[in-house]
N, C-alpha and C. Protein backbone atom coordinates (compact mmCIF):
# COMPACT_ATOMS: atom_id res chain seq x y z
N MET A 1 4.75 -0.45 -4.04
CA MET A 1 5.48 -1.70 -3.88
C MET A 1 6.66 -1.63 -4.79
N ASN A 2 7.69 -0.93 -4.35
CA ASN A 2 8.90 -0.75 -5.17
C ASN A 2 9.64 -2.05 -5.34
N GLU A 3 10.57 -2.07 -6.33
CA GLU A 3 11.28 -3.26 -6.58
C GLU A 3 12.34 -3.51 -5.49
N VAL A 4 12.60 -4.79 -5.24
CA VAL A 4 13.61 -5.23 -4.33
C VAL A 4 15.00 -5.15 -5.01
N VAL A 5 16.03 -4.72 -4.30
CA VAL A 5 17.35 -4.68 -4.85
C VAL A 5 17.89 -6.06 -4.99
N PRO A 6 18.97 -6.29 -5.71
CA PRO A 6 19.46 -7.64 -5.98
C PRO A 6 19.71 -8.42 -4.70
N SER A 7 19.58 -9.74 -4.76
CA SER A 7 19.58 -10.58 -3.52
C SER A 7 20.92 -10.51 -2.77
N GLN A 8 22.04 -10.13 -3.43
CA GLN A 8 23.28 -10.09 -2.73
C GLN A 8 23.30 -8.90 -1.73
N GLN A 9 22.34 -8.01 -1.81
CA GLN A 9 22.32 -6.87 -0.91
C GLN A 9 21.38 -7.11 0.29
N PHE A 10 20.85 -8.36 0.39
CA PHE A 10 20.10 -8.70 1.62
C PHE A 10 21.04 -8.80 2.79
N LYS A 11 20.55 -8.30 3.94
CA LYS A 11 21.39 -8.38 5.15
C LYS A 11 20.58 -9.04 6.25
N LYS A 12 21.26 -9.93 7.02
CA LYS A 12 20.60 -10.56 8.14
C LYS A 12 20.63 -9.64 9.33
N SER A 13 19.50 -9.64 10.07
CA SER A 13 19.39 -8.73 11.21
C SER A 13 18.26 -9.21 12.09
N THR A 14 18.25 -8.78 13.35
CA THR A 14 17.05 -8.93 14.19
C THR A 14 16.12 -7.74 13.88
N MET A 15 14.85 -7.92 14.24
CA MET A 15 13.93 -6.85 13.97
C MET A 15 14.28 -5.55 14.81
N ASP A 16 14.72 -5.75 16.02
CA ASP A 16 15.13 -4.58 16.88
C ASP A 16 16.31 -3.87 16.25
N ASP A 17 17.28 -4.65 15.74
CA ASP A 17 18.44 -4.00 15.13
C ASP A 17 18.03 -3.28 13.82
N TYR A 18 17.14 -3.91 13.07
CA TYR A 18 16.66 -3.29 11.81
C TYR A 18 15.99 -1.93 12.10
N LEU A 19 15.09 -1.98 13.10
CA LEU A 19 14.37 -0.68 13.45
C LEU A 19 15.32 0.40 13.96
N ALA A 20 16.27 -0.02 14.77
CA ALA A 20 17.24 0.93 15.31
C ALA A 20 18.04 1.59 14.17
N ASN A 21 18.44 0.77 13.21
CA ASN A 21 19.21 1.31 12.07
C ASN A 21 18.35 2.21 11.23
N GLU A 22 17.08 1.82 10.98
CA GLU A 22 16.17 2.63 10.16
C GLU A 22 15.99 3.99 10.80
N ARG A 23 15.81 4.03 12.11
CA ARG A 23 15.58 5.28 12.77
C ARG A 23 16.81 6.17 12.84
N LYS A 24 17.96 5.51 12.94
CA LYS A 24 19.23 6.25 13.02
C LYS A 24 19.62 6.83 11.72
N THR A 25 19.45 6.04 10.63
CA THR A 25 20.00 6.47 9.30
C THR A 25 18.92 7.09 8.38
N GLY A 26 17.68 6.90 8.71
CA GLY A 26 16.64 7.40 7.85
C GLY A 26 16.46 6.50 6.59
N ALA A 27 16.99 5.28 6.66
CA ALA A 27 16.90 4.38 5.50
C ALA A 27 15.47 3.93 5.37
N ARG A 28 15.16 3.38 4.13
CA ARG A 28 13.81 2.84 3.85
C ARG A 28 13.96 1.45 3.30
N SER A 29 14.38 0.50 4.18
CA SER A 29 14.41 -0.89 3.79
C SER A 29 13.25 -1.61 4.45
N GLU A 30 12.99 -2.81 3.97
CA GLU A 30 11.93 -3.62 4.53
C GLU A 30 12.52 -4.85 5.21
N TYR A 31 11.75 -5.48 6.05
CA TYR A 31 12.29 -6.56 6.88
C TYR A 31 11.39 -7.80 6.72
N PHE A 32 11.96 -8.89 6.27
CA PHE A 32 11.26 -10.14 6.11
C PHE A 32 12.03 -11.31 6.66
N ASN A 33 11.52 -11.93 7.74
CA ASN A 33 12.12 -13.14 8.24
C ASN A 33 13.65 -13.02 8.47
N GLY A 34 14.12 -11.94 9.08
CA GLY A 34 15.51 -11.77 9.41
C GLY A 34 16.30 -11.08 8.30
N LYS A 35 15.73 -10.86 7.16
CA LYS A 35 16.44 -10.25 6.04
C LYS A 35 16.03 -8.76 5.93
N VAL A 36 17.03 -7.91 5.84
CA VAL A 36 16.79 -6.46 5.54
C VAL A 36 16.95 -6.31 4.05
N ILE A 37 15.85 -5.82 3.40
CA ILE A 37 15.80 -5.77 1.98
C ILE A 37 15.70 -4.32 1.50
N GLY A 38 16.73 -3.81 0.82
CA GLY A 38 16.76 -2.46 0.31
C GLY A 38 15.64 -2.26 -0.72
N ARG A 39 15.17 -1.02 -0.87
CA ARG A 39 14.13 -0.72 -1.81
C ARG A 39 14.66 0.26 -2.85
N SER A 40 14.22 0.16 -4.04
CA SER A 40 14.59 1.08 -5.06
C SER A 40 13.65 2.31 -5.01
N GLY A 41 13.95 3.35 -5.77
CA GLY A 41 13.06 4.53 -5.81
C GLY A 41 11.82 4.29 -6.69
N SER A 42 10.90 5.18 -6.64
CA SER A 42 9.69 5.04 -7.46
C SER A 42 9.68 6.07 -8.60
N ASN A 43 8.97 5.81 -9.63
CA ASN A 43 8.95 6.63 -10.82
C ASN A 43 7.81 7.67 -10.79
N ARG A 44 7.77 8.46 -11.89
CA ARG A 44 6.79 9.51 -12.00
C ARG A 44 5.37 9.05 -11.83
N TRP A 45 5.00 7.96 -12.55
CA TRP A 45 3.65 7.45 -12.56
C TRP A 45 3.24 6.92 -11.18
N HIS A 46 4.17 6.16 -10.59
CA HIS A 46 3.97 5.65 -9.23
C HIS A 46 3.60 6.77 -8.23
N ASN A 47 4.40 7.85 -8.23
CA ASN A 47 4.16 8.95 -7.36
C ASN A 47 2.87 9.66 -7.65
N LEU A 48 2.52 9.83 -8.95
CA LEU A 48 1.24 10.51 -9.25
C LEU A 48 0.05 9.73 -8.83
N ILE A 49 0.14 8.42 -8.98
CA ILE A 49 -0.98 7.56 -8.54
C ILE A 49 -1.17 7.66 -7.02
N VAL A 50 -0.09 7.63 -6.26
CA VAL A 50 -0.16 7.77 -4.79
C VAL A 50 -0.74 9.12 -4.46
N SER A 51 -0.34 10.21 -5.13
CA SER A 51 -0.92 11.53 -4.87
C SER A 51 -2.40 11.60 -5.17
N ASN A 52 -2.77 11.03 -6.32
CA ASN A 52 -4.19 11.07 -6.68
C ASN A 52 -5.05 10.32 -5.67
N LEU A 53 -4.55 9.20 -5.21
CA LEU A 53 -5.28 8.43 -4.21
C LEU A 53 -5.37 9.18 -2.82
N ALA A 54 -4.24 9.72 -2.41
CA ALA A 54 -4.21 10.43 -1.14
C ALA A 54 -5.14 11.62 -1.17
N ILE A 55 -5.16 12.37 -2.26
CA ILE A 55 -6.08 13.54 -2.35
C ILE A 55 -7.56 13.12 -2.52
N GLY A 56 -7.80 12.11 -3.37
CA GLY A 56 -9.14 11.67 -3.61
C GLY A 56 -9.78 11.02 -2.38
N VAL A 57 -9.06 10.12 -1.81
CA VAL A 57 -9.63 9.44 -0.62
C VAL A 57 -9.61 10.35 0.60
N GLY A 58 -8.47 11.02 0.80
CA GLY A 58 -8.29 11.85 1.95
C GLY A 58 -9.36 12.94 2.02
N SER A 59 -9.71 13.55 0.89
CA SER A 59 -10.71 14.62 0.89
C SER A 59 -12.09 14.15 1.27
N ARG A 60 -12.38 12.89 1.10
CA ARG A 60 -13.66 12.27 1.41
C ARG A 60 -13.73 11.87 2.88
N LEU A 61 -12.63 11.79 3.54
CA LEU A 61 -12.55 11.29 4.91
C LEU A 61 -12.53 12.42 5.92
N SER A 62 -12.67 13.63 5.45
CA SER A 62 -12.69 14.81 6.39
C SER A 62 -13.91 14.62 7.35
N GLY A 63 -13.57 14.70 8.63
CA GLY A 63 -14.60 14.50 9.69
C GLY A 63 -14.80 13.08 10.12
N HIS A 64 -14.13 12.13 9.41
CA HIS A 64 -14.23 10.74 9.81
C HIS A 64 -13.11 10.42 10.78
N LYS A 65 -13.24 9.35 11.52
CA LYS A 65 -12.18 8.89 12.41
C LYS A 65 -11.22 7.97 11.72
N CYS A 66 -10.59 8.56 10.67
CA CYS A 66 -9.67 7.80 9.85
C CYS A 66 -8.33 8.59 9.77
N GLU A 67 -7.23 7.92 9.68
CA GLU A 67 -5.95 8.54 9.42
C GLU A 67 -5.29 7.90 8.22
N VAL A 68 -4.74 8.75 7.32
CA VAL A 68 -4.13 8.30 6.08
C VAL A 68 -2.61 8.55 6.18
N TYR A 69 -1.84 7.45 5.99
CA TYR A 69 -0.38 7.55 6.02
C TYR A 69 0.20 7.21 4.65
N ILE A 70 1.09 8.10 4.17
CA ILE A 70 1.61 7.93 2.83
C ILE A 70 3.11 7.60 2.84
N ALA A 71 3.40 6.42 2.32
CA ALA A 71 4.78 6.00 1.91
C ALA A 71 5.77 5.81 3.11
N ASN A 72 5.83 6.69 4.05
CA ASN A 72 6.91 6.66 5.04
C ASN A 72 6.54 5.99 6.40
N ILE A 73 5.31 5.48 6.49
CA ILE A 73 4.97 4.77 7.77
C ILE A 73 5.36 3.29 7.59
N ARG A 74 5.94 2.76 8.65
CA ARG A 74 6.22 1.32 8.67
C ARG A 74 4.99 0.58 9.19
N VAL A 75 4.76 -0.56 8.61
CA VAL A 75 3.64 -1.44 9.06
C VAL A 75 4.21 -2.78 9.44
N LYS A 76 3.94 -3.23 10.62
CA LYS A 76 4.41 -4.52 11.11
C LYS A 76 3.42 -5.57 10.72
N LEU A 77 3.93 -6.59 9.96
CA LEU A 77 3.08 -7.69 9.47
C LEU A 77 3.39 -8.93 10.31
N GLY A 78 2.63 -9.17 11.33
CA GLY A 78 2.85 -10.30 12.19
C GLY A 78 4.15 -10.06 13.00
N ASN A 79 4.83 -11.15 13.32
CA ASN A 79 6.03 -10.99 14.19
C ASN A 79 7.33 -11.05 13.42
N THR A 80 7.27 -11.18 12.05
CA THR A 80 8.48 -11.45 11.33
C THR A 80 8.75 -10.40 10.19
N SER A 81 7.87 -9.46 9.97
CA SER A 81 7.99 -8.58 8.82
C SER A 81 7.57 -7.16 9.11
N VAL A 82 8.27 -6.27 8.45
CA VAL A 82 7.93 -4.85 8.49
C VAL A 82 8.04 -4.29 7.06
N CYS A 83 7.06 -3.51 6.60
CA CYS A 83 7.12 -2.98 5.23
C CYS A 83 6.68 -1.51 5.23
N TYR A 84 6.90 -0.88 4.08
CA TYR A 84 6.42 0.47 3.82
C TYR A 84 5.37 0.45 2.74
N PRO A 85 4.06 0.29 3.09
CA PRO A 85 3.07 0.36 2.01
C PRO A 85 2.99 1.74 1.36
N ASP A 86 2.56 1.83 0.15
CA ASP A 86 2.40 3.14 -0.45
C ASP A 86 1.36 4.02 0.24
N ILE A 87 0.26 3.40 0.70
CA ILE A 87 -0.71 4.10 1.46
C ILE A 87 -1.26 3.14 2.54
N ALA A 88 -1.33 3.56 3.80
CA ALA A 88 -1.99 2.83 4.84
C ALA A 88 -3.04 3.70 5.50
N ILE A 89 -4.21 3.13 5.68
CA ILE A 89 -5.36 3.91 6.26
C ILE A 89 -5.84 3.13 7.53
N VAL A 90 -6.08 3.87 8.57
CA VAL A 90 -6.62 3.26 9.81
C VAL A 90 -8.00 3.90 10.03
N ASN A 91 -9.01 3.05 10.14
CA ASN A 91 -10.33 3.50 10.52
C ASN A 91 -10.50 3.26 12.02
N GLY A 92 -10.36 4.35 12.76
CA GLY A 92 -10.43 4.21 14.25
C GLY A 92 -9.12 4.70 14.80
N GLU A 93 -8.82 4.25 16.04
CA GLU A 93 -7.65 4.66 16.74
C GLU A 93 -6.45 3.87 16.28
N PRO A 94 -5.38 4.51 15.80
CA PRO A 94 -4.21 3.73 15.38
C PRO A 94 -3.43 3.19 16.60
N SER A 95 -2.85 2.03 16.40
CA SER A 95 -1.98 1.40 17.41
C SER A 95 -0.58 1.24 16.86
N PHE A 96 0.42 1.62 17.70
CA PHE A 96 1.84 1.59 17.32
C PHE A 96 2.64 0.67 18.17
N ALA A 97 3.78 0.23 17.65
CA ALA A 97 4.62 -0.72 18.33
C ALA A 97 5.25 -0.13 19.60
N ASP A 98 5.56 1.17 19.62
CA ASP A 98 6.19 1.76 20.72
C ASP A 98 5.98 3.26 20.68
N ALA A 99 6.61 4.00 21.63
CA ALA A 99 6.38 5.41 21.74
C ALA A 99 6.87 6.24 20.56
N ASN A 100 7.71 5.66 19.72
CA ASN A 100 8.14 6.41 18.54
C ASN A 100 6.98 6.63 17.50
N GLN A 101 5.94 5.84 17.59
CA GLN A 101 4.80 5.94 16.73
C GLN A 101 5.13 5.94 15.24
N ASP A 102 6.11 5.06 14.86
CA ASP A 102 6.49 4.99 13.46
C ASP A 102 6.35 3.57 12.93
N VAL A 103 5.78 2.61 13.75
CA VAL A 103 5.56 1.26 13.30
C VAL A 103 4.10 0.93 13.59
N LEU A 104 3.30 1.01 12.57
CA LEU A 104 1.80 0.86 12.71
C LEU A 104 1.46 -0.66 12.85
N LEU A 105 0.51 -0.91 13.77
CA LEU A 105 0.16 -2.31 14.03
C LEU A 105 -1.21 -2.71 13.52
N ASN A 106 -2.12 -1.69 13.25
CA ASN A 106 -3.50 -2.08 12.91
C ASN A 106 -4.05 -1.29 11.71
N PRO A 107 -3.44 -1.40 10.55
CA PRO A 107 -4.01 -0.78 9.34
C PRO A 107 -5.36 -1.48 9.02
N THR A 108 -6.28 -0.64 8.50
CA THR A 108 -7.56 -1.14 8.04
C THR A 108 -7.52 -1.42 6.54
N LEU A 109 -6.81 -0.58 5.80
CA LEU A 109 -6.71 -0.66 4.36
C LEU A 109 -5.29 -0.39 3.97
N LEU A 110 -4.71 -1.29 3.10
CA LEU A 110 -3.40 -1.08 2.57
C LEU A 110 -3.46 -0.99 1.08
N ILE A 111 -2.68 -0.04 0.48
CA ILE A 111 -2.67 0.18 -0.93
C ILE A 111 -1.21 0.14 -1.43
N GLU A 112 -0.97 -0.68 -2.49
CA GLU A 112 0.32 -0.84 -3.04
C GLU A 112 0.26 -0.55 -4.55
N ILE A 113 1.26 0.14 -5.06
CA ILE A 113 1.36 0.38 -6.52
C ILE A 113 2.34 -0.67 -7.01
N VAL A 114 1.93 -1.38 -8.09
CA VAL A 114 2.76 -2.45 -8.59
C VAL A 114 2.99 -2.20 -10.09
N SER A 115 4.03 -2.95 -10.61
CA SER A 115 4.38 -2.71 -12.03
C SER A 115 4.49 -4.11 -12.71
N ASN A 116 4.53 -4.13 -14.03
CA ASN A 116 4.73 -5.34 -14.79
C ASN A 116 6.07 -5.96 -14.52
N GLU A 117 7.04 -5.17 -14.15
CA GLU A 117 8.40 -5.68 -13.94
C GLU A 117 8.59 -6.36 -12.56
N MET A 118 7.56 -6.20 -11.68
CA MET A 118 7.67 -6.79 -10.34
C MET A 118 7.64 -8.31 -10.45
N HIS A 119 8.53 -9.00 -9.76
CA HIS A 119 8.55 -10.40 -9.72
C HIS A 119 7.26 -10.94 -9.07
N SER A 120 6.63 -11.89 -9.66
CA SER A 120 5.34 -12.41 -9.17
C SER A 120 5.45 -12.95 -7.76
N ALA A 121 6.55 -13.60 -7.45
CA ALA A 121 6.79 -14.15 -6.12
C ALA A 121 6.82 -13.03 -5.06
N THR A 122 7.46 -11.87 -5.40
CA THR A 122 7.51 -10.76 -4.47
C THR A 122 6.09 -10.26 -4.14
N LYS A 123 5.30 -10.06 -5.23
CA LYS A 123 3.96 -9.59 -5.05
C LYS A 123 3.13 -10.57 -4.25
N THR A 124 3.18 -11.83 -4.54
CA THR A 124 2.40 -12.85 -3.85
C THR A 124 2.78 -12.93 -2.43
N THR A 125 4.10 -12.91 -2.07
CA THR A 125 4.54 -13.03 -0.69
C THR A 125 4.04 -11.82 0.11
N LYS A 126 4.14 -10.66 -0.38
CA LYS A 126 3.68 -9.49 0.40
C LYS A 126 2.18 -9.44 0.51
N LEU A 127 1.49 -9.83 -0.58
CA LEU A 127 0.03 -9.86 -0.46
C LEU A 127 -0.44 -10.91 0.55
N GLU A 128 0.15 -12.04 0.61
CA GLU A 128 -0.19 -13.06 1.62
C GLU A 128 -0.01 -12.50 3.06
N ARG A 129 1.05 -11.73 3.28
CA ARG A 129 1.28 -11.14 4.58
C ARG A 129 0.23 -10.12 4.91
N PHE A 130 -0.14 -9.33 3.90
CA PHE A 130 -1.20 -8.33 4.09
C PHE A 130 -2.50 -9.00 4.52
N LEU A 131 -2.87 -10.01 3.77
CA LEU A 131 -4.18 -10.70 4.01
C LEU A 131 -4.21 -11.46 5.26
N ALA A 132 -3.07 -11.80 5.82
CA ALA A 132 -3.00 -12.55 7.09
C ALA A 132 -3.24 -11.65 8.27
N MET A 133 -3.11 -10.32 8.11
CA MET A 133 -3.26 -9.40 9.22
C MET A 133 -4.73 -9.31 9.70
N GLU A 134 -4.91 -9.47 10.98
CA GLU A 134 -6.29 -9.47 11.52
C GLU A 134 -6.98 -8.19 11.31
N SER A 135 -6.25 -7.05 11.41
CA SER A 135 -6.88 -5.76 11.30
C SER A 135 -7.32 -5.32 9.92
N ILE A 136 -6.67 -5.87 8.87
CA ILE A 136 -6.90 -5.42 7.51
C ILE A 136 -8.24 -5.89 6.99
N ARG A 137 -9.00 -5.01 6.52
CA ARG A 137 -10.31 -5.29 5.92
C ARG A 137 -10.28 -5.22 4.41
N GLU A 138 -9.37 -4.44 3.82
CA GLU A 138 -9.33 -4.35 2.36
C GLU A 138 -7.86 -4.05 1.95
N CYS A 139 -7.58 -4.50 0.73
CA CYS A 139 -6.29 -4.31 0.13
C CYS A 139 -6.42 -3.99 -1.32
N LEU A 140 -5.69 -2.97 -1.84
CA LEU A 140 -5.68 -2.66 -3.22
C LEU A 140 -4.32 -2.83 -3.84
N LEU A 141 -4.17 -3.54 -4.93
CA LEU A 141 -2.95 -3.56 -5.73
C LEU A 141 -3.24 -2.83 -7.03
N ILE A 142 -2.54 -1.71 -7.25
CA ILE A 142 -2.81 -0.85 -8.36
C ILE A 142 -1.67 -0.82 -9.35
N LYS A 143 -1.93 -1.19 -10.57
CA LYS A 143 -0.88 -1.24 -11.61
C LYS A 143 -0.55 0.18 -12.05
N GLU A 144 0.77 0.43 -12.18
CA GLU A 144 1.20 1.76 -12.62
C GLU A 144 1.42 1.80 -14.13
N ASP A 145 1.49 0.68 -14.78
CA ASP A 145 1.78 0.68 -16.25
C ASP A 145 0.57 0.18 -17.07
N GLU A 146 -0.57 0.00 -16.45
CA GLU A 146 -1.82 -0.30 -17.18
C GLU A 146 -3.00 0.01 -16.22
N MET A 147 -4.18 0.20 -16.81
CA MET A 147 -5.35 0.50 -15.98
C MET A 147 -5.89 -0.83 -15.39
N ARG A 148 -5.49 -1.09 -14.21
CA ARG A 148 -5.95 -2.36 -13.61
C ARG A 148 -5.74 -2.27 -12.11
N ILE A 149 -6.81 -2.55 -11.34
CA ILE A 149 -6.74 -2.57 -9.90
C ILE A 149 -7.34 -3.91 -9.39
N GLU A 150 -6.60 -4.52 -8.52
CA GLU A 150 -7.08 -5.75 -7.81
C GLU A 150 -7.51 -5.38 -6.44
N HIS A 151 -8.70 -5.75 -6.09
CA HIS A 151 -9.35 -5.33 -4.83
C HIS A 151 -9.69 -6.59 -4.02
N TYR A 152 -9.15 -6.66 -2.82
CA TYR A 152 -9.44 -7.75 -1.88
C TYR A 152 -10.23 -7.23 -0.71
N ALA A 153 -11.43 -7.78 -0.50
CA ALA A 153 -12.28 -7.32 0.62
C ALA A 153 -12.58 -8.48 1.51
N LYS A 154 -12.26 -8.30 2.79
CA LYS A 154 -12.40 -9.41 3.79
C LYS A 154 -13.84 -9.64 4.17
N GLN A 155 -14.24 -10.90 4.09
CA GLN A 155 -15.57 -11.28 4.57
C GLN A 155 -15.49 -11.98 5.93
N ASN A 156 -14.50 -12.80 6.14
CA ASN A 156 -14.21 -13.37 7.42
C ASN A 156 -12.75 -13.86 7.37
N ALA A 157 -12.31 -14.56 8.42
CA ALA A 157 -10.90 -14.90 8.53
C ALA A 157 -10.39 -15.80 7.37
N LYS A 158 -11.28 -16.49 6.70
CA LYS A 158 -10.92 -17.45 5.67
C LYS A 158 -11.49 -17.08 4.29
N GLN A 159 -12.18 -16.00 4.16
CA GLN A 159 -12.82 -15.66 2.90
C GLN A 159 -12.67 -14.21 2.55
N TRP A 160 -12.15 -14.01 1.29
CA TRP A 160 -12.02 -12.66 0.75
C TRP A 160 -12.75 -12.55 -0.58
N ILE A 161 -13.33 -11.41 -0.89
CA ILE A 161 -13.89 -11.18 -2.20
C ILE A 161 -12.86 -10.50 -3.07
N TYR A 162 -12.66 -11.06 -4.27
CA TYR A 162 -11.61 -10.49 -5.16
C TYR A 162 -12.30 -9.90 -6.40
N LYS A 163 -11.93 -8.62 -6.66
CA LYS A 163 -12.52 -7.95 -7.78
C LYS A 163 -11.35 -7.28 -8.65
N ILE A 164 -11.63 -7.19 -9.91
CA ILE A 164 -10.73 -6.50 -10.83
C ILE A 164 -11.43 -5.31 -11.42
N TYR A 165 -10.80 -4.17 -11.40
CA TYR A 165 -11.31 -2.98 -12.06
C TYR A 165 -10.35 -2.62 -13.16
N ASN A 166 -10.84 -2.43 -14.41
CA ASN A 166 -9.95 -2.15 -15.52
C ASN A 166 -10.58 -1.25 -16.61
N GLU A 167 -11.64 -0.54 -16.26
CA GLU A 167 -12.29 0.39 -17.15
C GLU A 167 -12.31 1.79 -16.52
N ARG A 168 -12.16 2.81 -17.32
CA ARG A 168 -12.04 4.19 -16.78
C ARG A 168 -13.28 4.65 -16.04
N ASP A 169 -14.45 4.02 -16.34
CA ASP A 169 -15.68 4.40 -15.65
C ASP A 169 -15.98 3.60 -14.36
N ASP A 170 -15.11 2.61 -14.10
CA ASP A 170 -15.22 1.79 -12.89
C ASP A 170 -15.03 2.66 -11.66
N VAL A 171 -15.76 2.33 -10.62
CA VAL A 171 -15.69 2.98 -9.30
C VAL A 171 -15.38 1.93 -8.22
N VAL A 172 -14.33 2.17 -7.47
CA VAL A 172 -13.93 1.25 -6.38
C VAL A 172 -14.62 1.66 -5.08
N SER A 173 -15.43 0.76 -4.52
CA SER A 173 -16.08 1.00 -3.25
C SER A 173 -15.23 0.47 -2.13
N LEU A 174 -14.80 1.37 -1.25
CA LEU A 174 -13.95 0.99 -0.11
C LEU A 174 -14.83 0.95 1.19
N GLU A 175 -15.44 -0.16 1.38
CA GLU A 175 -16.43 -0.28 2.46
C GLU A 175 -15.84 -0.08 3.80
N SER A 176 -14.59 -0.47 3.98
CA SER A 176 -13.98 -0.43 5.29
C SER A 176 -13.75 0.98 5.80
N ILE A 177 -13.72 1.95 4.87
CA ILE A 177 -13.61 3.37 5.26
C ILE A 177 -14.77 4.19 4.78
N GLY A 178 -15.76 3.53 4.22
CA GLY A 178 -17.02 4.21 3.81
C GLY A 178 -16.86 5.22 2.72
N THR A 179 -16.12 4.93 1.70
CA THR A 179 -15.98 5.90 0.59
C THR A 179 -15.78 5.18 -0.76
N LYS A 180 -15.76 5.98 -1.85
CA LYS A 180 -15.57 5.43 -3.20
C LYS A 180 -14.62 6.37 -3.95
N ILE A 181 -13.94 5.76 -4.90
CA ILE A 181 -13.10 6.54 -5.77
C ILE A 181 -13.09 5.92 -7.14
N SER A 182 -13.06 6.78 -8.22
CA SER A 182 -13.13 6.28 -9.57
C SER A 182 -11.72 6.01 -10.08
N LEU A 183 -11.68 5.15 -11.12
CA LEU A 183 -10.41 4.91 -11.79
C LEU A 183 -9.90 6.18 -12.50
N GLN A 184 -10.84 6.97 -12.94
CA GLN A 184 -10.44 8.21 -13.64
C GLN A 184 -9.67 9.14 -12.69
N GLU A 185 -10.10 9.12 -11.41
CA GLU A 185 -9.36 9.94 -10.43
C GLU A 185 -7.99 9.28 -10.13
N ILE A 186 -8.02 8.00 -9.89
CA ILE A 186 -6.74 7.32 -9.51
C ILE A 186 -5.71 7.47 -10.60
N TYR A 187 -6.16 7.40 -11.88
CA TYR A 187 -5.21 7.45 -13.03
C TYR A 187 -5.16 8.77 -13.72
N SER A 188 -5.66 9.82 -13.01
CA SER A 188 -5.60 11.19 -13.60
C SER A 188 -4.15 11.57 -13.98
N ASN A 189 -3.97 12.07 -15.19
CA ASN A 189 -2.65 12.48 -15.69
C ASN A 189 -1.69 11.35 -15.91
N ILE A 190 -2.10 10.10 -15.75
CA ILE A 190 -1.23 8.94 -16.07
C ILE A 190 -1.39 8.60 -17.53
N LYS A 191 -0.27 8.39 -18.24
CA LYS A 191 -0.33 8.08 -19.68
C LYS A 191 -0.03 6.65 -19.93
N PHE A 192 -0.92 5.96 -20.64
CA PHE A 192 -0.74 4.63 -21.11
C PHE A 192 -0.81 4.66 -22.64
N ARG A 193 0.16 4.08 -23.28
CA ARG A 193 0.14 4.01 -24.77
C ARG A 193 -0.21 5.32 -25.41
N HIS A 194 0.41 6.42 -24.82
CA HIS A 194 0.33 7.74 -25.35
C HIS A 194 -1.11 8.36 -25.22
N ALA A 195 -1.91 7.78 -24.31
CA ALA A 195 -3.30 8.35 -24.13
C ALA A 195 -3.33 8.87 -22.70
N GLU A 196 -3.90 10.05 -22.58
CA GLU A 196 -4.04 10.69 -21.26
C GLU A 196 -5.48 10.63 -20.82
N LEU A 197 -5.63 10.18 -19.58
CA LEU A 197 -6.97 9.93 -19.00
C LEU A 197 -7.53 11.28 -18.47
N SER A 198 -8.85 11.40 -18.50
CA SER A 198 -9.46 12.61 -17.93
C SER A 198 -9.58 12.42 -16.41
N SER A 199 -10.02 13.39 -15.68
CA SER A 199 -9.97 13.32 -14.23
C SER A 199 -11.30 13.62 -13.57
N ARG A 200 -12.40 13.04 -14.13
CA ARG A 200 -13.69 13.22 -13.59
C ARG A 200 -13.78 12.56 -12.25
N ALA A 201 -14.33 13.27 -11.24
CA ALA A 201 -14.34 12.77 -9.84
C ALA A 201 -15.72 12.09 -9.54
N VAL A 202 -15.71 11.28 -8.55
CA VAL A 202 -16.93 10.71 -8.05
C VAL A 202 -17.29 11.48 -6.77
N ASN A 203 -18.47 12.02 -6.71
CA ASN A 203 -18.85 12.79 -5.56
C ASN A 203 -19.69 11.94 -4.60
């Protein structure tokens, strides 16, 4: 969940025009209620966390009917928004908006890396859009600058279970895709306050 560029760089557009421009230019902007919002780049720790997750979770999904998309897949959130989650996972057959197969409609699990610098309103707005999607069963918000993971697990249309993981021995159970991953794996090689975490895996 990279930072939004300053508000003066917002551009008004229709969703069709936004997608046409993204495909033509290779840009990576997000779309919310008619606004095209540019995204900043991600740092070293952000990228390492995404890699750790993709390797850790992906290796456990071998032979499962799941697909893991990293960073560059667009996800349509209802009829008014399109975003680029850090990781999107589909358990089952993926559905796309059109033949380009670059706008995913039915993610099962969305994962976003967040930072202390992120504006709380930005985080809340995007999270609300994630949780409103019918297909989503779980959502993870992972802090890049401290050991903390917020886990949302859907029980029904109006009820979610919320958990916080913040110890290196904690293990996150991802029931929607039938696997687990430890915080030690997720934060392997990530340095907080000059301390390096070990990388013991959960088998």
